[in-house]
PDB file of N, CA and C in Angstrom:
ATOM      1  N   GLN A   1      15.920   7.599 -10.426  1.00  0.00           N
ATOM      2  CA  GLN A   1      14.805   8.204  -9.725  1.00  0.00           C
ATOM      3  C   GLN A   1      13.531   7.411  -9.986  1.00  0.00           C
ATOM      4  N   VAL A   2      12.697   7.305  -8.978  1.00  0.00           N
ATOM      5  CA  VAL A   2      11.440   6.566  -9.069  1.00  0.00           C
ATOM      6  C   VAL A   2      10.302   7.491  -8.704  1.00  0.00           C
ATOM      7  N   GLN A   3       9.256   7.423  -9.504  1.00  0.00           N
ATOM      8  CA  GLN A   3       8.043   8.180  -9.215  1.00  0.00           C
ATOM      9  C   GLN A   3       6.927   7.194  -8.895  1.00  0.00           C
ATOM     10  N   LEU A   4       6.230   7.448  -7.811  1.00  0.00           N
ATOM     11  CA  LEU A   4       5.101   6.638  -7.386  1.00  0.00           C
ATOM     12  C   LEU A   4       3.903   7.551  -7.221  1.00  0.00           C
ATOM     13  N   VAL A   5       2.790   7.172  -7.833  1.00  0.00           N
ATOM     14  CA  VAL A   5       1.596   8.009  -7.773  1.00  0.00           C
ATOM     15  C   VAL A   5       0.406   7.139  -7.355  1.00  0.00           C
ATOM     16  N   GLU A   6      -0.126   7.432  -6.181  1.00  0.00           N
ATOM     17  CA  GLU A   6      -1.284   6.691  -5.656  1.00  0.00           C
ATOM     18  C   GLU A   6      -2.592   7.326  -6.150  1.00  0.00           C
ATOM     19  N   SER A   7      -3.604   6.483  -6.230  1.00  0.00           N
ATOM     20  CA  SER A   7      -4.954   6.952  -6.557  1.00  0.00           C
ATOM     21  C   SER A   7      -5.955   5.960  -5.941  1.00  0.00           C
ATOM     22  N   GLY A   8      -7.218   6.393  -5.919  1.00  0.00           N
ATOM     23  CA  GLY A   8      -8.287   5.507  -5.477  1.00  0.00           C
ATOM     24  C   GLY A   8      -8.812   5.793  -4.097  1.00  0.00           C
ATOM     25  N   GLY A   9      -8.220   6.737  -3.374  1.00  0.00           N
ATOM     26  CA  GLY A   9      -8.734   7.074  -2.058  1.00  0.00           C
ATOM     27  C   GLY A   9     -10.074   7.779  -2.144  1.00  0.00           C
ATOM     28  N   GLY A  10     -10.716   7.954  -0.980  1.00  0.00           N
ATOM     29  CA  GLY A  10     -11.985   8.637  -0.946  1.00  0.00           C
ATOM     30  C   GLY A  10     -12.717   8.376   0.342  1.00  0.00           C
ATOM     31  N   LEU A  11     -13.987   8.729   0.336  1.00  0.00           N
ATOM     32  CA  LEU A  11     -14.850   8.578   1.516  1.00  0.00           C
ATOM     33  C   LEU A  11     -15.729   7.355   1.314  1.00  0.00           C
ATOM     34  N   VAL A  12     -15.777   6.494   2.316  1.00  0.00           N
ATOM     35  CA  VAL A  12     -16.583   5.283   2.225  1.00  0.00           C
ATOM     36  C   VAL A  12     -17.181   4.981   3.599  1.00  0.00           C
ATOM     37  N   GLN A  13     -18.333   4.369   3.615  1.00  0.00           N
ATOM     38  CA  GLN A  13     -18.966   3.995   4.880  1.00  0.00           C
ATOM     39  C   GLN A  13     -18.325   2.738   5.442  1.00  0.00           C
ATOM     40  N   ALA A  14     -18.393   2.599   6.740  1.00  0.00           N
ATOM     41  CA  ALA A  14     -17.887   1.383   7.396  1.00  0.00           C
ATOM     42  C   ALA A  14     -18.531   0.154   6.767  1.00  0.00           C
ATOM     43  N   GLY A  15     -17.710  -0.845   6.536  1.00  0.00           N
ATOM     44  CA  GLY A  15     -18.156  -2.056   5.882  1.00  0.00           C
ATOM     45  C   GLY A  15     -17.983  -2.057   4.366  1.00  0.00           C
ATOM     46  N   GLY A  16     -17.666  -0.893   3.846  1.00  0.00           N
ATOM     47  CA  GLY A  16     -17.465  -0.765   2.397  1.00  0.00           C
ATOM     48  C   GLY A  16     -16.096  -1.162   1.932  1.00  0.00           C
ATOM     49  N   SER A  17     -15.866  -0.931   0.634  1.00  0.00           N
ATOM     50  CA  SER A  17     -14.602  -1.332   0.005  1.00  0.00           C
ATOM     51  C   SER A  17     -14.045  -0.212  -0.828  1.00  0.00           C
ATOM     52  N   LEU A  18     -12.723  -0.228  -0.976  1.00  0.00           N
ATOM     53  CA  LEU A  18     -12.001   0.666  -1.871  1.00  0.00           C
ATOM     54  C   LEU A  18     -10.837  -0.102  -2.457  1.00  0.00           C
ATOM     55  N   ARG A  19     -10.421   0.293  -3.657  1.00  0.00           N
ATOM     56  CA  ARG A  19      -9.194  -0.272  -4.207  1.00  0.00           C
ATOM     57  C   ARG A  19      -8.235   0.877  -4.522  1.00  0.00           C
ATOM     58  N   LEU A  20      -7.084   0.829  -3.915  1.00  0.00           N
ATOM     59  CA  LEU A  20      -6.030   1.792  -4.171  1.00  0.00           C
ATOM     60  C   LEU A  20      -5.104   1.278  -5.269  1.00  0.00           C
ATOM     61  N   SER A  21      -4.581   2.211  -6.057  1.00  0.00           N
ATOM     62  CA  SER A  21      -3.613   1.870  -7.094  1.00  0.00           C
ATOM     63  C   SER A  21      -2.391   2.728  -6.910  1.00  0.00           C
ATOM     64  N   CYS A  22      -1.253   2.190  -7.320  1.00  0.00           N
ATOM     65  CA  CYS A  22       0.007   2.944  -7.265  1.00  0.00           C
ATOM     66  C   CYS A  22       0.737   2.675  -8.580  1.00  0.00           C
ATOM     67  N   ALA A  23       0.881   3.716  -9.375  1.00  0.00           N
ATOM     68  CA  ALA A  23       1.582   3.624 -10.654  1.00  0.00           C
ATOM     69  C   ALA A  23       3.027   4.025 -10.464  1.00  0.00           C
ATOM     70  N   ALA A  24       3.921   3.174 -10.929  1.00  0.00           N
ATOM     71  CA  ALA A  24       5.345   3.413 -10.762  1.00  0.00           C
ATOM     72  C   ALA A  24       6.044   3.680 -12.087  1.00  0.00           C
ATOM     73  N   SER A  25       7.051   4.498 -12.051  1.00  0.00           N
ATOM     74  CA  SER A  25       7.838   4.764 -13.235  1.00  0.00           C
ATOM     75  C   SER A  25       9.271   5.130 -12.818  1.00  0.00           C
ATOM     76  N   GLY A  26      10.183   4.976 -13.713  1.00  0.00           N
ATOM     77  CA  GLY A  26      11.536   5.450 -13.450  1.00  0.00           C
ATOM     78  C   GLY A  26      12.585   4.415 -13.214  1.00  0.00           C
ATOM     79  N   ARG A  27      12.235   3.190 -12.905  1.00  0.00           N
ATOM     80  CA  ARG A  27      13.247   2.144 -12.765  1.00  0.00           C
ATOM     81  C   ARG A  27      12.587   0.797 -13.001  1.00  0.00           C
ATOM     82  N   THR A  28      13.346  -0.261 -12.946  1.00  0.00           N
ATOM     83  CA  THR A  28      12.819  -1.572 -13.202  1.00  0.00           C
ATOM     84  C   THR A  28      11.902  -1.978 -12.060  1.00  0.00           C
ATOM     85  N   PHE A  29      10.615  -1.892 -12.312  1.00  0.00           N
ATOM     86  CA  PHE A  29       9.609  -2.118 -11.296  1.00  0.00           C
ATOM     87  C   PHE A  29       9.575  -3.544 -10.812  1.00  0.00           C
ATOM     88  N   SER A  30       9.745  -4.491 -11.710  1.00  0.00           N
ATOM     89  CA  SER A  30       9.439  -5.877 -11.409  1.00  0.00           C
ATOM     90  C   SER A  30      10.483  -6.606 -10.559  1.00  0.00           C
ATOM     91  N   ILE A  31      11.597  -5.964 -10.219  1.00  0.00           N
ATOM     92  CA  ILE A  31      12.615  -6.681  -9.451  1.00  0.00           C
ATOM     93  C   ILE A  31      12.645  -6.273  -7.980  1.00  0.00           C
ATOM     94  N   TYR A  32      11.733  -5.432  -7.551  1.00  0.00           N
ATOM     95  CA  TYR A  32      11.688  -4.960  -6.194  1.00  0.00           C
ATOM     96  C   TYR A  32      10.342  -5.184  -5.541  1.00  0.00           C
ATOM     97  N   ALA A  33      10.357  -5.444  -4.268  1.00  0.00           N
ATOM     98  CA  ALA A  33       9.112  -5.546  -3.518  1.00  0.00           C
ATOM     99  C   ALA A  33       8.466  -4.159  -3.407  1.00  0.00           C
ATOM    100  N   MET A  34       7.158  -4.161  -3.233  1.00  0.00           N
ATOM    101  CA  MET A  34       6.404  -2.929  -3.070  1.00  0.00           C
ATOM    102  C   MET A  34       5.548  -3.039  -1.803  1.00  0.00           C
ATOM    103  N   GLY A  35       5.317  -1.922  -1.182  1.00  0.00           N
ATOM    104  CA  GLY A  35       4.538  -1.949   0.049  1.00  0.00           C
ATOM    105  C   GLY A  35       3.545  -0.808   0.136  1.00  0.00           C
ATOM    106  N   TRP A  36       2.580  -0.995   1.021  1.00  0.00           N
ATOM    107  CA  TRP A  36       1.630   0.051   1.380  1.00  0.00           C
ATOM    108  C   TRP A  36       1.810   0.332   2.882  1.00  0.00           C
ATOM    109  N   PHE A  37       1.793   1.608   3.189  1.00  0.00           N
ATOM    110  CA  PHE A  37       1.862   2.074   4.565  1.00  0.00           C
ATOM    111  C   PHE A  37       0.693   3.073   4.737  1.00  0.00           C
ATOM    112  N   ARG A  38       0.421   3.407   5.996  1.00  0.00           N
ATOM    113  CA  ARG A  38      -0.619   4.405   6.234  1.00  0.00           C
ATOM    114  C   ARG A  38      -0.260   5.238   7.467  1.00  0.00           C
ATOM    115  N   GLN A  39      -0.827   6.434   7.490  1.00  0.00           N
ATOM    116  CA  GLN A  39      -0.622   7.326   8.618  1.00  0.00           C
ATOM    117  C   GLN A  39      -1.929   7.971   8.984  1.00  0.00           C
ATOM    118  N   ALA A  40      -2.433   7.632  10.159  1.00  0.00           N
ATOM    119  CA  ALA A  40      -3.672   8.209  10.685  1.00  0.00           C
ATOM    120  C   ALA A  40      -3.354   9.540  11.362  1.00  0.00           C
ATOM    121  N   PRO A  41      -4.363  10.406  11.485  1.00  0.00           N
ATOM    122  CA  PRO A  41      -4.127  11.717  12.120  1.00  0.00           C
ATOM    123  C   PRO A  41      -3.547  11.549  13.524  1.00  0.00           C
ATOM    124  N   GLY A  42      -2.452  12.234  13.769  1.00  0.00           N
ATOM    125  CA  GLY A  42      -1.841  12.200  15.086  1.00  0.00           C
ATOM    126  C   GLY A  42      -1.044  10.965  15.409  1.00  0.00           C
ATOM    127  N   LYS A  43      -0.880  10.084  14.420  1.00  0.00           N
ATOM    128  CA  LYS A  43      -0.148   8.833  14.670  1.00  0.00           C
ATOM    129  C   LYS A  43       1.028   8.708  13.714  1.00  0.00           C
ATOM    130  N   GLU A  44       1.916   7.778  14.044  1.00  0.00           N
ATOM    131  CA  GLU A  44       3.056   7.523  13.189  1.00  0.00           C
ATOM    132  C   GLU A  44       2.659   6.687  11.962  1.00  0.00           C
ATOM    133  N   ARG A  45       3.447   6.808  10.935  1.00  0.00           N
ATOM    134  CA  ARG A  45       3.220   5.985   9.746  1.00  0.00           C
ATOM    135  C   ARG A  45       3.493   4.522  10.071  1.00  0.00           C
ATOM    136  N   GLU A  46       2.616   3.636   9.585  1.00  0.00           N
ATOM    137  CA  GLU A  46       2.769   2.232   9.916  1.00  0.00           C
ATOM    138  C   GLU A  46       2.656   1.360   8.681  1.00  0.00           C
ATOM    139  N   PHE A  47       3.239   0.187   8.782  1.00  0.00           N
ATOM    140  CA  PHE A  47       3.212  -0.810   7.728  1.00  0.00           C
ATOM    141  C   PHE A  47       1.809  -1.393   7.581  1.00  0.00           C
ATOM    142  N   VAL A  48       1.376  -1.616   6.323  1.00  0.00           N
ATOM    143  CA  VAL A  48       0.104  -2.245   6.046  1.00  0.00           C
ATOM    144  C   VAL A  48       0.295  -3.567   5.358  1.00  0.00           C
ATOM    145  N   ALA A  49       1.012  -3.558   4.224  1.00  0.00           N
ATOM    146  CA  ALA A  49       1.149  -4.799   3.435  1.00  0.00           C
ATOM    147  C   ALA A  49       2.336  -4.684   2.511  1.00  0.00           C
ATOM    148  N   THR A  50       2.885  -5.822   2.120  1.00  0.00           N
ATOM    149  CA  THR A  50       3.957  -5.852   1.147  1.00  0.00           C
ATOM    150  C   THR A  50       3.782  -7.012   0.195  1.00  0.00           C
ATOM    151  N   VAL A  51       4.282  -6.876  -1.015  1.00  0.00           N
ATOM    152  CA  VAL A  51       4.222  -7.918  -2.025  1.00  0.00           C
ATOM    153  C   VAL A  51       5.627  -8.070  -2.650  1.00  0.00           C
ATOM    154  N   SER A  52       6.014  -9.301  -2.881  1.00  0.00           N
ATOM    155  CA  SER A  52       7.338  -9.563  -3.438  1.00  0.00           C
ATOM    156  C   SER A  52       7.432  -9.094  -4.878  1.00  0.00           C
ATOM    157  N   ALA A  53       8.648  -9.086  -5.371  1.00  0.00           N
ATOM    158  CA  ALA A  53       8.901  -8.601  -6.729  1.00  0.00           C
ATOM    159  C   ALA A  53       8.060  -9.356  -7.757  1.00  0.00           C
ATOM    160  N   GLY A  54       7.996 -10.658  -7.610  1.00  0.00           N
ATOM    161  CA  GLY A  54       7.221 -11.468  -8.561  1.00  0.00           C
ATOM    162  C   GLY A  54       5.744 -11.541  -8.300  1.00  0.00           C
ATOM    163  N   GLY A  55       5.320 -11.018  -7.147  1.00  0.00           N
ATOM    164  CA  GLY A  55       3.920 -10.973  -6.814  1.00  0.00           C
ATOM    165  C   GLY A  55       3.399 -12.240  -6.139  1.00  0.00           C
ATOM    166  N   THR A  56       4.269 -13.186  -5.829  1.00  0.00           N
ATOM    167  CA  THR A  56       3.794 -14.447  -5.274  1.00  0.00           C
ATOM    168  C   THR A  56       3.791 -14.508  -3.756  1.00  0.00           C
ATOM    169  N   ILE A  57       4.497 -13.605  -3.106  1.00  0.00           N
ATOM    170  CA  ILE A  57       4.584 -13.623  -1.646  1.00  0.00           C
ATOM    171  C   ILE A  57       4.035 -12.300  -1.112  1.00  0.00           C
ATOM    172  N   THR A  58       3.144 -12.406  -0.139  1.00  0.00           N
ATOM    173  CA  THR A  58       2.562 -11.220   0.491  1.00  0.00           C
ATOM    174  C   THR A  58       2.682 -11.329   2.000  1.00  0.00           C
ATOM    175  N   TYR A  59       2.592 -10.196   2.635  1.00  0.00           N
ATOM    176  CA  TYR A  59       2.630 -10.149   4.118  1.00  0.00           C
ATOM    177  C   TYR A  59       1.843  -8.962   4.549  1.00  0.00           C
ATOM    178  N   TYR A  60       1.055  -9.146   5.661  1.00  0.00           N
ATOM    179  CA  TYR A  60       0.151  -8.105   6.111  1.00  0.00           C
ATOM    180  C   TYR A  60       0.320  -7.794   7.597  1.00  0.00           C
ATOM    181  N   ALA A  61       0.004  -6.577   7.918  1.00  0.00           N
ATOM    182  CA  ALA A  61      -0.117  -6.228   9.325  1.00  0.00           C
ATOM    183  C   ALA A  61      -1.320  -6.958   9.904  1.00  0.00           C
ATOM    184  N   ASP A  62      -1.237  -7.312  11.172  1.00  0.00           N
ATOM    185  CA  ASP A  62      -2.337  -8.049  11.810  1.00  0.00           C
ATOM    186  C   ASP A  62      -3.662  -7.283  11.714  1.00  0.00           C
ATOM    187  N   SER A  63      -3.574  -5.980  11.769  1.00  0.00           N
ATOM    188  CA  SER A  63      -4.794  -5.159  11.805  1.00  0.00           C
ATOM    189  C   SER A  63      -5.597  -5.223  10.511  1.00  0.00           C
ATOM    190  N   VAL A  64      -4.963  -5.636   9.407  1.00  0.00           N
ATOM    191  CA  VAL A  64      -5.683  -5.669   8.133  1.00  0.00           C
ATOM    192  C   VAL A  64      -5.776  -7.082   7.539  1.00  0.00           C
ATOM    193  N   LYS A  65      -5.142  -8.032   8.184  1.00  0.00           N
ATOM    194  CA  LYS A  65      -5.134  -9.399   7.663  1.00  0.00           C
ATOM    195  C   LYS A  65      -6.546  -9.930   7.520  1.00  0.00           C
ATOM    196  N   GLY A  66      -6.839 -10.522   6.364  1.00  0.00           N
ATOM    197  CA  GLY A  66      -8.160 -11.066   6.090  1.00  0.00           C
ATOM    198  C   GLY A  66      -9.120 -10.064   5.492  1.00  0.00           C
ATOM    199  N   ARG A  67      -8.768  -8.761   5.513  1.00  0.00           N
ATOM    200  CA  ARG A  67      -9.643  -7.729   4.963  1.00  0.00           C
ATOM    201  C   ARG A  67      -9.007  -7.046   3.731  1.00  0.00           C
ATOM    202  N   PHE A  68      -7.708  -6.891   3.752  1.00  0.00           N
ATOM    203  CA  PHE A  68      -6.973  -6.218   2.682  1.00  0.00           C
ATOM    204  C   PHE A  68      -6.206  -7.248   1.868  1.00  0.00           C
ATOM    205  N   THR A  69      -6.065  -6.941   0.562  1.00  0.00           N
ATOM    206  CA  THR A  69      -5.267  -7.789  -0.348  1.00  0.00           C
ATOM    207  C   THR A  69      -4.365  -6.912  -1.193  1.00  0.00           C
ATOM    208  N   ILE A  70      -3.081  -7.179  -1.140  1.00  0.00           N
ATOM    209  CA  ILE A  70      -2.102  -6.497  -1.964  1.00  0.00           C
ATOM    210  C   ILE A  70      -1.791  -7.339  -3.175  1.00  0.00           C
ATOM    211  N   SER A  71      -1.650  -6.678  -4.323  1.00  0.00           N
ATOM    212  CA  SER A  71      -1.274  -7.394  -5.558  1.00  0.00           C
ATOM    213  C   SER A  71      -0.548  -6.453  -6.461  1.00  0.00           C
ATOM    214  N   ARG A  72       0.048  -7.003  -7.528  1.00  0.00           N
ATOM    215  CA  ARG A  72       0.767  -6.147  -8.457  1.00  0.00           C
ATOM    216  C   ARG A  72       0.627  -6.711  -9.877  1.00  0.00           C
ATOM    217  N   ASP A  73       0.738  -5.798 -10.808  1.00  0.00           N
ATOM    218  CA  ASP A  73       0.736  -6.142 -12.223  1.00  0.00           C
ATOM    219  C   ASP A  73       2.025  -5.564 -12.819  1.00  0.00           C
ATOM    220  N   ASN A  74       3.003  -6.404 -12.982  1.00  0.00           N
ATOM    221  CA  ASN A  74       4.312  -5.918 -13.431  1.00  0.00           C
ATOM    222  C   ASN A  74       4.281  -5.423 -14.879  1.00  0.00           C
ATOM    223  N   ALA A  75       3.355  -5.941 -15.661  1.00  0.00           N
ATOM    224  CA  ALA A  75       3.221  -5.459 -17.044  1.00  0.00           C
ATOM    225  C   ALA A  75       2.735  -4.022 -17.090  1.00  0.00           C
ATOM    226  N   LYS A  76       1.989  -3.618 -16.040  1.00  0.00           N
ATOM    227  CA  LYS A  76       1.459  -2.264 -15.970  1.00  0.00           C
ATOM    228  C   LYS A  76       2.217  -1.379 -14.972  1.00  0.00           C
ATOM    229  N   ASN A  77       3.251  -1.934 -14.361  1.00  0.00           N
ATOM    230  CA  ASN A  77       4.021  -1.178 -13.327  1.00  0.00           C
ATOM    231  C   ASN A  77       3.096  -0.602 -12.268  1.00  0.00           C
ATOM    232  N   THR A  78       2.189  -1.425 -11.802  1.00  0.00           N
ATOM    233  CA  THR A  78       1.178  -0.940 -10.834  1.00  0.00           C
ATOM    234  C   THR A  78       1.014  -1.945  -9.699  1.00  0.00           C
ATOM    235  N   VAL A  79       0.861  -1.412  -8.505  1.00  0.00           N
ATOM    236  CA  VAL A  79       0.554  -2.217  -7.345  1.00  0.00           C
ATOM    237  C   VAL A  79      -0.807  -1.757  -6.786  1.00  0.00           C
ATOM    238  N   TYR A  80      -1.548  -2.700  -6.251  1.00  0.00           N
ATOM    239  CA  TYR A  80      -2.908  -2.434  -5.798  1.00  0.00           C
ATOM    240  C   TYR A  80      -3.075  -2.802  -4.324  1.00  0.00           C
ATOM    241  N   LEU A  81      -4.059  -2.180  -3.708  1.00  0.00           N
ATOM    242  CA  LEU A  81      -4.469  -2.578  -2.363  1.00  0.00           C
ATOM    243  C   LEU A  81      -5.991  -2.624  -2.333  1.00  0.00           C
ATOM    244  N   GLN A  82      -6.524  -3.802  -2.341  1.00  0.00           N
ATOM    245  CA  GLN A  82      -7.973  -3.994  -2.232  1.00  0.00           C
ATOM    246  C   GLN A  82      -8.330  -3.997  -0.758  1.00  0.00           C
ATOM    247  N   MET A  83      -9.199  -3.087  -0.371  1.00  0.00           N
ATOM    248  CA  MET A  83      -9.569  -2.961   1.036  1.00  0.00           C
ATOM    249  C   MET A  83     -11.049  -3.238   1.194  1.00  0.00           C
ATOM    250  N   ASN A  84     -11.368  -4.287   1.915  1.00  0.00           N
ATOM    251  CA  ASN A  84     -12.765  -4.682   2.174  1.00  0.00           C
ATOM    252  C   ASN A  84     -13.071  -4.569   3.676  1.00  0.00           C
ATOM    253  N   SER A  85     -14.354  -4.582   3.977  1.00  0.00           N
ATOM    254  CA  SER A  85     -14.814  -4.513   5.379  1.00  0.00           C
ATOM    255  C   SER A  85     -14.118  -3.370   6.128  1.00  0.00           C
ATOM    256  N   LEU A  86     -14.117  -2.222   5.527  1.00  0.00           N
ATOM    257  CA  LEU A  86     -13.389  -1.092   6.105  1.00  0.00           C
ATOM    258  C   LEU A  86     -14.015  -0.654   7.419  1.00  0.00           C
ATOM    259  N   LYS A  87     -13.130  -0.188   8.291  1.00  0.00           N
ATOM    260  CA  LYS A  87     -13.526   0.276   9.616  1.00  0.00           C
ATOM    261  C   LYS A  87     -13.113   1.729   9.771  1.00  0.00           C
ATOM    262  N   PRO A  88     -13.780   2.449  10.669  1.00  0.00           N
ATOM    263  CA  PRO A  88     -13.364   3.852  10.888  1.00  0.00           C
ATOM    264  C   PRO A  88     -11.884   3.981  11.267  1.00  0.00           C
ATOM    265  N   GLU A  89     -11.336   2.984  11.937  1.00  0.00           N
ATOM    266  CA  GLU A  89      -9.933   3.047  12.335  1.00  0.00           C
ATOM    267  C   GLU A  89      -8.967   2.840  11.155  1.00  0.00           C
ATOM    268  N   ASP A  90      -9.513   2.509   9.995  1.00  0.00           N
ATOM    269  CA  ASP A  90      -8.672   2.435   8.783  1.00  0.00           C
ATOM    270  C   ASP A  90      -8.473   3.812   8.137  1.00  0.00           C
ATOM    271  N   THR A  91      -9.155   4.817   8.662  1.00  0.00           N
ATOM    272  CA  THR A  91      -8.995   6.177   8.155  1.00  0.00           C
ATOM    273  C   THR A  91      -7.559   6.624   8.271  1.00  0.00           C
ATOM    274  N   ALA A  92      -6.967   7.025   7.145  1.00  0.00           N
ATOM    275  CA  ALA A  92      -5.554   7.415   7.130  1.00  0.00           C
ATOM    276  C   ALA A  92      -5.183   7.873   5.728  1.00  0.00           C
ATOM    277  N   VAL A  93      -4.001   8.467   5.625  1.00  0.00           N
ATOM    278  CA  VAL A  93      -3.386   8.668   4.309  1.00  0.00           C
ATOM    279  C   VAL A  93      -2.597   7.407   4.015  1.00  0.00           C
ATOM    280  N   TYR A  94      -2.825   6.826   2.857  1.00  0.00           N
ATOM    281  CA  TYR A  94      -2.165   5.593   2.458  1.00  0.00           C
ATOM    282  C   TYR A  94      -1.052   5.923   1.452  1.00  0.00           C
ATOM    283  N   TYR A  95       0.118   5.373   1.729  1.00  0.00           N
ATOM    284  CA  TYR A  95       1.293   5.622   0.917  1.00  0.00           C
ATOM    285  C   TYR A  95       1.809   4.332   0.274  1.00  0.00           C
ATOM    286  N   CYS A  96       2.172   4.459  -0.968  1.00  0.00           N
ATOM    287  CA  CYS A  96       2.858   3.388  -1.685  1.00  0.00           C
ATOM    288  C   CYS A  96       4.359   3.628  -1.555  1.00  0.00           C
ATOM    289  N   ALA A  97       5.107   2.538  -1.454  1.00  0.00           N
ATOM    290  CA  ALA A  97       6.553   2.676  -1.313  1.00  0.00           C
ATOM    291  C   ALA A  97       7.265   1.537  -2.001  1.00  0.00           C
ATOM    292  N   ALA A  98       8.468   1.823  -2.496  1.00  0.00           N
ATOM    293  CA  ALA A  98       9.282   0.835  -3.205  1.00  0.00           C
ATOM    294  C   ALA A  98      10.446   0.399  -2.319  1.00  0.00           C
ATOM    295  N   ASP A  99      10.611  -0.899  -2.220  1.00  0.00           N
ATOM    296  CA  ASP A  99      11.688  -1.487  -1.417  1.00  0.00           C
ATOM    297  C   ASP A  99      12.969  -1.558  -2.277  1.00  0.00           C
ATOM    298  N   SER A 100      14.094  -1.919  -1.621  1.00  0.00           N
ATOM    299  CA  SER A 100      15.341  -2.116  -2.354  1.00  0.00           C
ATOM    300  C   SER A 100      15.686  -3.595  -2.470  1.00  0.00           C
ATOM    301  N   LEU A 101      14.811  -4.449  -1.944  1.00  0.00           N
ATOM    302  CA  LEU A 101      14.985  -5.900  -2.035  1.00  0.00           C
ATOM    303  C   LEU A 101      13.810  -6.528  -2.773  1.00  0.00           C
ATOM    304  N   ALA A 102      13.993  -7.817  -3.175  1.00  0.00           N
ATOM    305  CA  ALA A 102      12.910  -8.495  -3.866  1.00  0.00           C
ATOM    306  C   ALA A 102      11.773  -8.856  -2.933  1.00  0.00           C
ATOM    307  N   PHE A 103      12.057  -9.057  -1.652  1.00  0.00           N
ATOM    308  CA  PHE A 103      11.032  -9.275  -0.644  1.00  0.00           C
ATOM    309  C   PHE A 103      11.613  -9.037   0.721  1.00  0.00           C
ATOM    310  N   ARG A 104      10.827  -8.475   1.575  1.00  0.00           N
ATOM    311  CA  ARG A 104      11.192  -8.291   2.964  1.00  0.00           C
ATOM    312  C   ARG A 104       9.922  -8.326   3.766  1.00  0.00           C
ATOM    313  N   ARG A 105       9.874  -9.134   4.784  1.00  0.00           N
ATOM    314  CA  ARG A 105       8.675  -9.274   5.626  1.00  0.00           C
ATOM    315  C   ARG A 105       8.602  -8.070   6.552  1.00  0.00           C
ATOM    316  N   ALA A 106       7.443  -7.436   6.579  1.00  0.00           N
ATOM    317  CA  ALA A 106       7.192  -6.304   7.478  1.00  0.00           C
ATOM    318  C   ALA A 106       8.289  -5.263   7.410  1.00  0.00           C
ATOM    319  N   PRO A 107       8.516  -4.647   6.261  1.00  0.00           N
ATOM    320  CA  PRO A 107       9.568  -3.648   6.157  1.00  0.00           C
ATOM    321  C   PRO A 107       9.338  -2.451   7.057  1.00  0.00           C
ATOM    322  N   ALA A 108      10.457  -1.883   7.507  1.00  0.00           N
ATOM    323  CA  ALA A 108      10.391  -0.632   8.281  1.00  0.00           C
ATOM    324  C   ALA A 108      10.381   0.533   7.316  1.00  0.00           C
ATOM    325  N   LEU A 109      10.029   1.709   7.829  1.00  0.00           N
ATOM    326  CA  LEU A 109       9.989   2.894   6.981  1.00  0.00           C
ATOM    327  C   LEU A 109      11.339   3.133   6.296  1.00  0.00           C
ATOM    328  N   GLU A 110      12.415   2.936   7.067  1.00  0.00           N
ATOM    329  CA  GLU A 110      13.735   3.219   6.512  1.00  0.00           C
ATOM    330  C   GLU A 110      14.206   2.200   5.482  1.00  0.00           C
ATOM    331  N   ASP A 111      13.485   1.111   5.338  1.00  0.00           N
ATOM    332  CA  ASP A 111      13.816   0.104   4.338  1.00  0.00           C
ATOM    333  C   ASP A 111      13.343   0.494   2.949  1.00  0.00           C
ATOM    334  N   MET A 112      12.411   1.437   2.907  1.00  0.00           N
ATOM    335  CA  MET A 112      11.783   1.790   1.622  1.00  0.00           C
ATOM    336  C   MET A 112      12.492   2.981   1.019  1.00  0.00           C
ATOM    337  N   GLY A 113      12.921   2.829  -0.230  1.00  0.00           N
ATOM    338  CA  GLY A 113      13.735   3.862  -0.821  1.00  0.00           C
ATOM    339  C   GLY A 113      12.958   4.993  -1.476  1.00  0.00           C
ATOM    340  N   TYR A 114      11.716   4.687  -1.885  1.00  0.00           N
ATOM    341  CA  TYR A 114      10.940   5.719  -2.576  1.00  0.00           C
ATOM    342  C   TYR A 114       9.504   5.676  -2.082  1.00  0.00           C
ATOM    343  N   TRP A 115       8.871   6.848  -2.043  1.00  0.00           N
ATOM    344  CA  TRP A 115       7.509   7.001  -1.520  1.00  0.00           C
ATOM    345  C   TRP A 115       6.664   7.839  -2.480  1.00  0.00           C
ATOM    346  N   GLY A 116       5.382   7.501  -2.516  1.00  0.00           N
ATOM    347  CA  GLY A 116       4.439   8.359  -3.174  1.00  0.00           C
ATOM    348  C   GLY A 116       3.979   9.455  -2.230  1.00  0.00           C
ATOM    349  N   LYS A 117       3.114  10.314  -2.701  1.00  0.00           N
ATOM    350  CA  LYS A 117       2.647  11.444  -1.893  1.00  0.00           C
ATOM    351  C   LYS A 117       1.411  11.095  -1.048  1.00  0.00           C
ATOM    352  N   GLY A 118       0.833   9.931  -1.327  1.00  0.00           N
ATOM    353  CA  GLY A 118      -0.266   9.462  -0.507  1.00  0.00           C
ATOM    354  C   GLY A 118      -1.643   9.775  -1.071  1.00  0.00           C
ATOM    355  N   THR A 119      -2.600   8.969  -0.643  1.00  0.00           N
ATOM    356  CA  THR A 119      -4.004   9.185  -0.971  1.00  0.00           C
ATOM    357  C   THR A 119      -4.822   8.979   0.281  1.00  0.00           C
ATOM    358  N   LEU A 120      -5.803   9.864   0.498  1.00  0.00           N
ATOM    359  CA  LEU A 120      -6.558   9.859   1.742  1.00  0.00           C
ATOM    360  C   LEU A 120      -7.745   8.892   1.661  1.00  0.00           C
ATOM    361  N   VAL A 121      -7.871   8.058   2.657  1.00  0.00           N
ATOM    362  CA  VAL A 121      -9.002   7.172   2.824  1.00  0.00           C
ATOM    363  C   VAL A 121      -9.727   7.562   4.095  1.00  0.00           C
ATOM    364  N   THR A 122     -11.002   7.858   3.973  1.00  0.00           N
ATOM    365  CA  THR A 122     -11.809   8.229   5.138  1.00  0.00           C
ATOM    366  C   THR A 122     -12.976   7.253   5.238  1.00  0.00           C
ATOM    367  N   VAL A 123     -13.088   6.597   6.389  1.00  0.00           N
ATOM    368  CA  VAL A 123     -14.156   5.632   6.613  1.00  0.00           C
ATOM    369  C   VAL A 123     -15.081   6.194   7.668  1.00  0.00           C
ATOM    370  N   SER A 124     -16.321   6.415   7.294  1.00  0.00           N
ATOM    371  CA  SER A 124     -17.297   6.986   8.219  1.00  0.00           C
ATOM    372  C   SER A 124     -18.063   5.878   8.938  1.00  0.00           C
ATOM    373  N   SER A 125     -18.448   6.178  10.153  1.00  0.00           N
ATOM    374  CA  SER A 125     -19.172   5.150  10.944  1.00  0.00           C
ATOM    375  C   SER A 125     -20.674   5.229  10.759  1.00  0.00           C
TER     376      SER A 125
END
């Protein structure tokens, strides 16, 4: 069993920054890719970013490329999402998820074996 707990969400003005964290426990964290997804009100959950098991390979959705950075600290069993230049359309619940592979480009929802409960990010205009 894997537990994922997100933190760092909140209310921020457009153009601002937030850093999300996801603490993992329950299995060997460092051998699996980790991802961030988000779900805006009335929309389906979508892929945001993924980082390989070793932290050296990342991949982003086009909508966040150049503004968001995913990283991980395997010594702390934590994955991060640094979000800069936030826009109102980034408003969503952000979810951390654990993959079953060491890396997968643009994973689908069904590729992720474990999910956190999410943290709300609200960007005001």
